[in-house]
Amino acid sequence: MDKYLNYLALARKGGLAELGEEPVGAAARAGKACVILVASDAGDHTWRRAKSYVAGTDQQCLKVPATKDELGMAIGRTSLAVAALTDPMLALACVKAMEKPDRQILEVLEQKAQRKKDRQKEAKAHQKNLRKGKKK
């Protein structure tokens, strides 16, 4: 099994993935999907729908080299055509694990992951200030 499929399975177990067309569409409309993964043998209608979910947003859509059966096997289903990763760091790791990742998609995901790291750092500093008080 390819490494990016392992990241997809990890995201499912951690609750950081939406699986199937309707949940992916809902996550994309809410702006929570970082990257939408579409199986290589998914139909044209499925690919067009996935592209329409991310149109006009900074969310990304990517066709993966795995088939529907391989995607499904990675997450414990019989088949899966569309999945969305909602965590930017996990989405970045998943896309980097692919053989030939798209540079544009990588750049957008790296920016999202950096923003998340910055927010986590600020939240940690804020919690420290609340506990000890800010030094003058």
N, C-alpha and C. Protein backbone atom coordinates (compact mmCIF):
# COMPACT_ATOMS: atom_id res chain seq x y z
N MET A 1 0.85 -1.17 0.00
CA MET A 1 0.00 0.00 0.00
C MET A 1 0.90 1.24 0.00
N ASP A 2 0.51 2.25 -0.77
CA ASP A 2 1.28 3.48 -0.86
C ASP A 2 1.19 4.27 0.43
N LYS A 3 2.20 5.11 0.65
CA LYS A 3 2.29 5.86 1.90
C LYS A 3 1.14 6.86 2.05
N TYR A 4 0.72 7.48 0.94
CA TYR A 4 -0.38 8.45 1.05
C TYR A 4 -1.68 7.78 1.46
N LEU A 5 -1.85 6.51 1.12
CA LEU A 5 -3.03 5.78 1.57
C LEU A 5 -2.98 5.54 3.08
N ASN A 6 -1.76 5.36 3.60
CA ASN A 6 -1.62 5.22 5.06
C ASN A 6 -2.03 6.52 5.75
N TYR A 7 -1.67 7.67 5.17
CA TYR A 7 -2.08 8.95 5.74
C TYR A 7 -3.60 9.11 5.68
N LEU A 8 -4.22 8.63 4.61
CA LEU A 8 -5.68 8.68 4.51
C LEU A 8 -6.32 7.83 5.60
N ALA A 9 -5.78 6.63 5.83
CA ALA A 9 -6.31 5.76 6.87
C ALA A 9 -6.13 6.39 8.25
N LEU A 10 -4.99 7.03 8.46
CA LEU A 10 -4.73 7.71 9.72
C LEU A 10 -5.71 8.87 9.94
N ALA A 11 -5.99 9.60 8.87
CA ALA A 11 -6.94 10.71 8.96
C ALA A 11 -8.33 10.20 9.29
N ARG A 12 -8.73 9.08 8.71
CA ARG A 12 -10.04 8.52 9.01
C ARG A 12 -10.13 8.12 10.47
N LYS A 13 -9.09 7.48 10.97
CA LYS A 13 -9.09 7.04 12.37
C LYS A 13 -9.10 8.22 13.32
N GLY A 14 -8.46 9.30 12.92
CA GLY A 14 -8.40 10.48 13.77
C GLY A 14 -9.58 11.42 13.62
N GLY A 15 -10.49 11.10 12.73
CA GLY A 15 -11.66 11.96 12.51
C GLY A 15 -11.33 13.20 11.70
N LEU A 16 -10.27 13.15 10.91
CA LEU A 16 -9.83 14.30 10.12
C LEU A 16 -10.09 14.10 8.64
N ALA A 17 -10.99 13.19 8.29
CA ALA A 17 -11.31 12.93 6.90
C ALA A 17 -12.82 12.81 6.73
N GLU A 18 -13.29 13.27 5.59
CA GLU A 18 -14.69 13.08 5.19
C GLU A 18 -14.66 12.12 4.00
N LEU A 19 -15.55 11.13 4.02
CA LEU A 19 -15.52 10.07 3.02
C LEU A 19 -16.84 9.97 2.28
N GLY A 20 -16.79 10.00 0.97
CA GLY A 20 -17.99 9.92 0.16
C GLY A 20 -18.39 11.28 -0.37
N GLU A 21 -19.21 11.30 -1.43
CA GLU A 21 -19.54 12.56 -2.11
C GLU A 21 -20.29 13.55 -1.24
N GLU A 22 -21.31 13.11 -0.53
CA GLU A 22 -22.11 14.05 0.26
C GLU A 22 -21.33 14.65 1.43
N PRO A 23 -20.64 13.84 2.26
CA PRO A 23 -19.86 14.44 3.34
C PRO A 23 -18.73 15.34 2.84
N VAL A 24 -18.11 14.96 1.72
CA VAL A 24 -17.05 15.79 1.14
C VAL A 24 -17.64 17.12 0.67
N GLY A 25 -18.79 17.08 0.04
CA GLY A 25 -19.44 18.30 -0.42
C GLY A 25 -19.79 19.22 0.75
N ALA A 26 -20.29 18.63 1.83
CA ALA A 26 -20.64 19.43 3.01
C ALA A 26 -19.39 20.06 3.62
N ALA A 27 -18.30 19.30 3.71
CA ALA A 27 -17.06 19.84 4.27
C ALA A 27 -16.49 20.94 3.38
N ALA A 28 -16.59 20.77 2.07
CA ALA A 28 -16.07 21.78 1.14
C ALA A 28 -16.91 23.05 1.21
N ARG A 29 -18.23 22.92 1.28
CA ARG A 29 -19.08 24.10 1.39
C ARG A 29 -18.84 24.85 2.69
N ALA A 30 -18.49 24.12 3.76
CA ALA A 30 -18.19 24.74 5.04
C ALA A 30 -16.78 25.32 5.08
N GLY A 31 -15.97 25.03 4.06
CA GLY A 31 -14.60 25.54 4.01
C GLY A 31 -13.63 24.74 4.85
N LYS A 32 -13.99 23.54 5.24
CA LYS A 32 -13.14 22.72 6.10
C LYS A 32 -12.23 21.76 5.34
N ALA A 33 -12.50 21.50 4.09
CA ALA A 33 -11.69 20.55 3.32
C ALA A 33 -10.41 21.23 2.83
N CYS A 34 -9.28 20.68 3.20
CA CYS A 34 -8.00 21.23 2.71
C CYS A 34 -7.70 20.68 1.32
N VAL A 35 -7.86 19.38 1.17
CA VAL A 35 -7.63 18.76 -0.13
C VAL A 35 -8.68 17.66 -0.32
N ILE A 36 -9.19 17.59 -1.55
CA ILE A 36 -10.15 16.55 -1.91
C ILE A 36 -9.41 15.57 -2.81
N LEU A 37 -9.44 14.30 -2.44
CA LEU A 37 -8.78 13.24 -3.20
C LEU A 37 -9.83 12.48 -3.99
N VAL A 38 -9.60 12.34 -5.29
CA VAL A 38 -10.54 11.63 -6.17
C VAL A 38 -9.80 10.43 -6.76
N ALA A 39 -10.43 9.27 -6.75
CA ALA A 39 -9.83 8.05 -7.28
C ALA A 39 -9.61 8.18 -8.79
N SER A 40 -8.59 7.48 -9.28
CA SER A 40 -8.24 7.59 -10.70
C SER A 40 -9.32 7.02 -11.61
N ASP A 41 -10.07 6.03 -11.13
CA ASP A 41 -11.11 5.43 -11.97
C ASP A 41 -12.51 5.95 -11.63
N ALA A 42 -12.57 7.06 -10.91
CA ALA A 42 -13.88 7.67 -10.63
C ALA A 42 -14.44 8.25 -11.92
N GLY A 43 -15.74 8.34 -11.99
CA GLY A 43 -16.39 8.84 -13.19
C GLY A 43 -16.14 10.32 -13.43
N ASP A 44 -16.38 10.77 -14.66
CA ASP A 44 -16.19 12.18 -15.01
C ASP A 44 -17.12 13.07 -14.19
N HIS A 45 -18.32 12.59 -13.94
CA HIS A 45 -19.27 13.38 -13.15
C HIS A 45 -18.73 13.60 -11.74
N THR A 46 -18.15 12.58 -11.15
CA THR A 46 -17.58 12.70 -9.81
C THR A 46 -16.43 13.69 -9.80
N TRP A 47 -15.57 13.64 -10.80
CA TRP A 47 -14.44 14.57 -10.90
C TRP A 47 -14.94 16.01 -11.06
N ARG A 48 -15.96 16.21 -11.92
CA ARG A 48 -16.50 17.56 -12.11
C ARG A 48 -17.15 18.09 -10.83
N ARG A 49 -17.85 17.22 -10.11
CA ARG A 49 -18.46 17.64 -8.85
C ARG A 49 -17.41 18.04 -7.83
N ALA A 50 -16.34 17.25 -7.74
CA ALA A 50 -15.26 17.57 -6.80
C ALA A 50 -14.61 18.89 -7.16
N LYS A 51 -14.41 19.14 -8.46
CA LYS A 51 -13.83 20.41 -8.90
C LYS A 51 -14.78 21.57 -8.60
N SER A 52 -16.08 21.34 -8.71
CA SER A 52 -17.03 22.41 -8.43
C SER A 52 -17.09 22.73 -6.94
N TYR A 53 -16.82 21.73 -6.08
CA TYR A 53 -16.80 21.98 -4.64
C TYR A 53 -15.71 22.99 -4.27
N VAL A 54 -14.56 22.92 -4.94
CA VAL A 54 -13.42 23.77 -4.56
C VAL A 54 -13.30 25.02 -5.42
N ALA A 55 -14.17 25.19 -6.39
CA ALA A 55 -14.08 26.35 -7.29
C ALA A 55 -14.23 27.65 -6.50
N GLY A 56 -13.31 28.56 -6.70
CA GLY A 56 -13.38 29.86 -6.06
C GLY A 56 -12.90 29.88 -4.62
N THR A 57 -12.30 28.80 -4.14
CA THR A 57 -11.78 28.74 -2.78
C THR A 57 -10.31 28.38 -2.82
N ASP A 58 -9.67 28.37 -1.64
CA ASP A 58 -8.28 27.94 -1.60
C ASP A 58 -8.16 26.45 -1.28
N GLN A 59 -9.27 25.73 -1.33
CA GLN A 59 -9.26 24.29 -1.17
C GLN A 59 -8.75 23.66 -2.47
N GLN A 60 -8.13 22.50 -2.36
CA GLN A 60 -7.51 21.87 -3.51
C GLN A 60 -8.21 20.57 -3.87
N CYS A 61 -8.12 20.20 -5.14
CA CYS A 61 -8.70 18.95 -5.63
C CYS A 61 -7.61 18.20 -6.38
N LEU A 62 -7.48 16.92 -6.11
CA LEU A 62 -6.37 16.15 -6.66
C LEU A 62 -6.84 14.76 -7.04
N LYS A 63 -6.46 14.32 -8.23
CA LYS A 63 -6.76 12.96 -8.66
C LYS A 63 -5.58 12.09 -8.25
N VAL A 64 -5.84 11.07 -7.45
CA VAL A 64 -4.77 10.20 -6.95
C VAL A 64 -4.62 8.99 -7.86
N PRO A 65 -3.43 8.36 -7.88
CA PRO A 65 -3.22 7.21 -8.76
C PRO A 65 -3.91 5.93 -8.29
N ALA A 66 -4.55 5.93 -7.14
CA ALA A 66 -5.21 4.73 -6.63
C ALA A 66 -6.61 4.60 -7.22
N THR A 67 -7.06 3.37 -7.33
CA THR A 67 -8.42 3.11 -7.80
C THR A 67 -9.39 3.23 -6.64
N LYS A 68 -10.69 3.15 -6.96
CA LYS A 68 -11.72 3.22 -5.92
C LYS A 68 -11.57 2.07 -4.93
N ASP A 69 -11.25 0.90 -5.43
CA ASP A 69 -11.09 -0.26 -4.55
C ASP A 69 -9.90 -0.09 -3.61
N GLU A 70 -8.79 0.45 -4.13
CA GLU A 70 -7.61 0.66 -3.30
C GLU A 70 -7.87 1.72 -2.22
N LEU A 71 -8.56 2.80 -2.59
CA LEU A 71 -8.92 3.82 -1.60
C LEU A 71 -9.83 3.23 -0.53
N GLY A 72 -10.80 2.45 -0.97
CA GLY A 72 -11.72 1.82 -0.02
C GLY A 72 -11.01 0.85 0.90
N MET A 73 -10.10 0.06 0.36
CA MET A 73 -9.36 -0.90 1.18
C MET A 73 -8.51 -0.18 2.24
N ALA A 74 -7.99 0.98 1.90
CA ALA A 74 -7.15 1.73 2.84
C ALA A 74 -7.94 2.19 4.07
N ILE A 75 -9.23 2.44 3.89
CA ILE A 75 -10.01 2.94 5.02
C ILE A 75 -10.99 1.91 5.58
N GLY A 76 -11.01 0.72 5.02
CA GLY A 76 -11.87 -0.32 5.57
C GLY A 76 -13.23 -0.42 4.92
N ARG A 77 -13.36 0.05 3.70
CA ARG A 77 -14.61 -0.07 2.95
C ARG A 77 -14.36 -0.90 1.71
N THR A 78 -15.43 -1.18 0.97
CA THR A 78 -15.24 -1.92 -0.27
C THR A 78 -14.74 -1.02 -1.38
N SER A 79 -15.25 0.21 -1.44
CA SER A 79 -14.76 1.17 -2.43
C SER A 79 -15.02 2.59 -1.95
N LEU A 80 -14.23 3.51 -2.48
CA LEU A 80 -14.35 4.92 -2.13
C LEU A 80 -13.86 5.74 -3.31
N ALA A 81 -14.71 6.63 -3.81
CA ALA A 81 -14.34 7.45 -4.96
C ALA A 81 -13.79 8.81 -4.56
N VAL A 82 -14.31 9.39 -3.46
CA VAL A 82 -13.93 10.75 -3.07
C VAL A 82 -13.70 10.81 -1.57
N ALA A 83 -12.62 11.49 -1.17
CA ALA A 83 -12.32 11.71 0.25
C ALA A 83 -11.76 13.11 0.41
N ALA A 84 -12.00 13.71 1.55
CA ALA A 84 -11.47 15.05 1.84
C ALA A 84 -10.72 15.00 3.16
N LEU A 85 -9.53 15.58 3.17
CA LEU A 85 -8.74 15.71 4.40
C LEU A 85 -8.98 17.10 4.95
N THR A 86 -9.32 17.19 6.24
CA THR A 86 -9.68 18.47 6.83
C THR A 86 -8.55 19.08 7.66
N ASP A 87 -7.47 18.38 7.88
CA ASP A 87 -6.34 18.92 8.64
C ASP A 87 -5.24 19.32 7.66
N PRO A 88 -4.78 20.58 7.70
CA PRO A 88 -3.79 21.02 6.71
C PRO A 88 -2.44 20.32 6.82
N MET A 89 -2.00 20.00 8.02
CA MET A 89 -0.70 19.33 8.17
C MET A 89 -0.75 17.90 7.65
N LEU A 90 -1.84 17.21 7.94
CA LEU A 90 -2.00 15.85 7.45
C LEU A 90 -2.20 15.84 5.93
N ALA A 91 -2.93 16.82 5.42
CA ALA A 91 -3.12 16.92 3.97
C ALA A 91 -1.79 17.17 3.28
N LEU A 92 -0.95 18.02 3.86
CA LEU A 92 0.37 18.30 3.28
C LEU A 92 1.22 17.04 3.27
N ALA A 93 1.23 16.30 4.37
CA ALA A 93 2.01 15.06 4.44
C ALA A 93 1.51 14.04 3.41
N CYS A 94 0.20 13.96 3.25
CA CYS A 94 -0.39 13.02 2.30
C CYS A 94 0.01 13.37 0.87
N VAL A 95 -0.08 14.63 0.51
CA VAL A 95 0.26 15.04 -0.85
C VAL A 95 1.76 14.88 -1.10
N LYS A 96 2.59 15.19 -0.11
CA LYS A 96 4.04 15.02 -0.27
C LYS A 96 4.41 13.55 -0.46
N ALA A 97 3.63 12.63 0.10
CA ALA A 97 3.92 11.21 0.01
C ALA A 97 3.63 10.64 -1.38
N MET A 98 2.94 11.39 -2.22
CA MET A 98 2.64 10.92 -3.58
C MET A 98 3.89 11.02 -4.45
N GLU A 99 3.91 10.24 -5.53
CA GLU A 99 5.10 10.19 -6.38
C GLU A 99 5.41 11.51 -7.05
N LYS A 100 4.45 12.12 -7.69
CA LYS A 100 4.67 13.38 -8.39
C LYS A 100 3.63 14.40 -7.93
N PRO A 101 3.87 15.03 -6.77
CA PRO A 101 2.88 16.00 -6.28
C PRO A 101 2.90 17.29 -7.11
N ASP A 102 1.76 17.92 -7.21
CA ASP A 102 1.62 19.18 -7.94
C ASP A 102 2.21 20.31 -7.09
N ARG A 103 3.11 21.10 -7.67
CA ARG A 103 3.80 22.17 -6.93
C ARG A 103 2.82 23.21 -6.39
N GLN A 104 1.84 23.57 -7.19
CA GLN A 104 0.88 24.59 -6.77
C GLN A 104 0.08 24.12 -5.56
N ILE A 105 -0.35 22.88 -5.57
CA ILE A 105 -1.09 22.32 -4.45
C ILE A 105 -0.21 22.27 -3.20
N LEU A 106 1.05 21.88 -3.38
CA LEU A 106 1.97 21.82 -2.25
C LEU A 106 2.17 23.20 -1.63
N GLU A 107 2.31 24.23 -2.45
CA GLU A 107 2.52 25.58 -1.94
C GLU A 107 1.33 26.04 -1.10
N VAL A 108 0.13 25.81 -1.60
CA VAL A 108 -1.08 26.23 -0.86
C VAL A 108 -1.17 25.48 0.46
N LEU A 109 -0.92 24.17 0.44
CA LEU A 109 -1.00 23.37 1.66
C LEU A 109 0.10 23.75 2.66
N GLU A 110 1.29 24.08 2.16
CA GLU A 110 2.36 24.52 3.06
C GLU A 110 1.99 25.82 3.76
N GLN A 111 1.35 26.73 3.04
CA GLN A 111 0.90 27.99 3.65
C GLN A 111 -0.15 27.72 4.73
N LYS A 112 -1.10 26.83 4.43
CA LYS A 112 -2.14 26.49 5.41
C LYS A 112 -1.54 25.84 6.65
N ALA A 113 -0.59 24.92 6.43
CA ALA A 113 0.05 24.24 7.55
C ALA A 113 0.84 25.23 8.41
N GLN A 114 1.51 26.18 7.77
CA GLN A 114 2.28 27.18 8.52
C GLN A 114 1.35 28.08 9.34
N ARG A 115 0.21 28.46 8.75
CA ARG A 115 -0.76 29.27 9.50
C ARG A 115 -1.27 28.51 10.72
N LYS A 116 -1.51 27.20 10.56
CA LYS A 116 -2.00 26.41 11.68
C LYS A 116 -0.93 26.32 12.77
N LYS A 117 0.34 26.13 12.38
CA LYS A 117 1.42 26.09 13.37
C LYS A 117 1.51 27.41 14.12
N ASP A 118 1.39 28.52 13.39
CA ASP A 118 1.45 29.84 14.02
C ASP A 118 0.31 30.03 15.02
N ARG A 119 -0.90 29.61 14.63
CA ARG A 119 -2.05 29.72 15.53
C ARG A 119 -1.85 28.88 16.79
N GLN A 120 -1.30 27.68 16.62
CA GLN A 120 -1.05 26.82 17.78
C GLN A 120 -0.01 27.45 18.70
N LYS A 121 1.02 28.05 18.12
CA LYS A 121 2.06 28.71 18.91
C LYS A 121 1.48 29.90 19.68
N GLU A 122 0.63 30.69 19.02
CA GLU A 122 0.00 31.83 19.68
C GLU A 122 -0.93 31.38 20.80
N ALA A 123 -1.67 30.31 20.57
CA ALA A 123 -2.58 29.80 21.60
C ALA A 123 -1.81 29.29 22.81
N LYS A 124 -0.67 28.66 22.57
CA LYS A 124 0.16 28.17 23.66
C LYS A 124 0.72 29.34 24.47
N ALA A 125 1.19 30.38 23.79
CA ALA A 125 1.70 31.57 24.48
C ALA A 125 0.59 32.25 25.27
N HIS A 126 -0.60 32.28 24.71
CA HIS A 126 -1.74 32.89 25.39
C HIS A 126 -2.08 32.13 26.68
N GLN A 127 -2.09 30.80 26.60
CA GLN A 127 -2.37 29.99 27.78
C GLN A 127 -1.31 30.21 28.85
N LYS A 128 -0.06 30.34 28.45
CA LYS A 128 1.02 30.59 29.40
C LYS A 128 0.83 31.94 30.07
N ASN A 129 0.43 32.95 29.30
CA ASN A 129 0.19 34.27 29.87
C ASN A 129 -0.99 34.26 30.84
N LEU A 130 -2.00 33.47 30.53
CA LEU A 130 -3.15 33.40 31.43
C LEU A 130 -2.77 32.76 32.77
N ARG A 131 -1.89 31.74 32.73
CA ARG A 131 -1.50 31.05 33.95
C ARG A 131 -0.55 31.88 34.80
N LYS A 132 0.46 32.49 34.18
CA LYS A 132 1.52 33.15 34.95
C LYS A 132 1.44 34.67 34.91
N GLY A 133 0.70 35.22 34.01
CA GLY A 133 0.66 36.65 33.86
C GLY A 133 1.81 37.13 32.99
N LYS A 134 1.58 38.20 32.30
CA LYS A 134 2.61 38.71 31.40
C LYS A 134 3.61 39.54 32.19
N LYS A 135 4.90 39.32 31.94
CA LYS A 135 5.96 40.05 32.63
C LYS A 135 6.06 41.45 32.05
N LYS A 136 6.31 42.43 32.93
CA LYS A 136 6.43 43.81 32.48
C LYS A 136 7.85 44.27 32.52
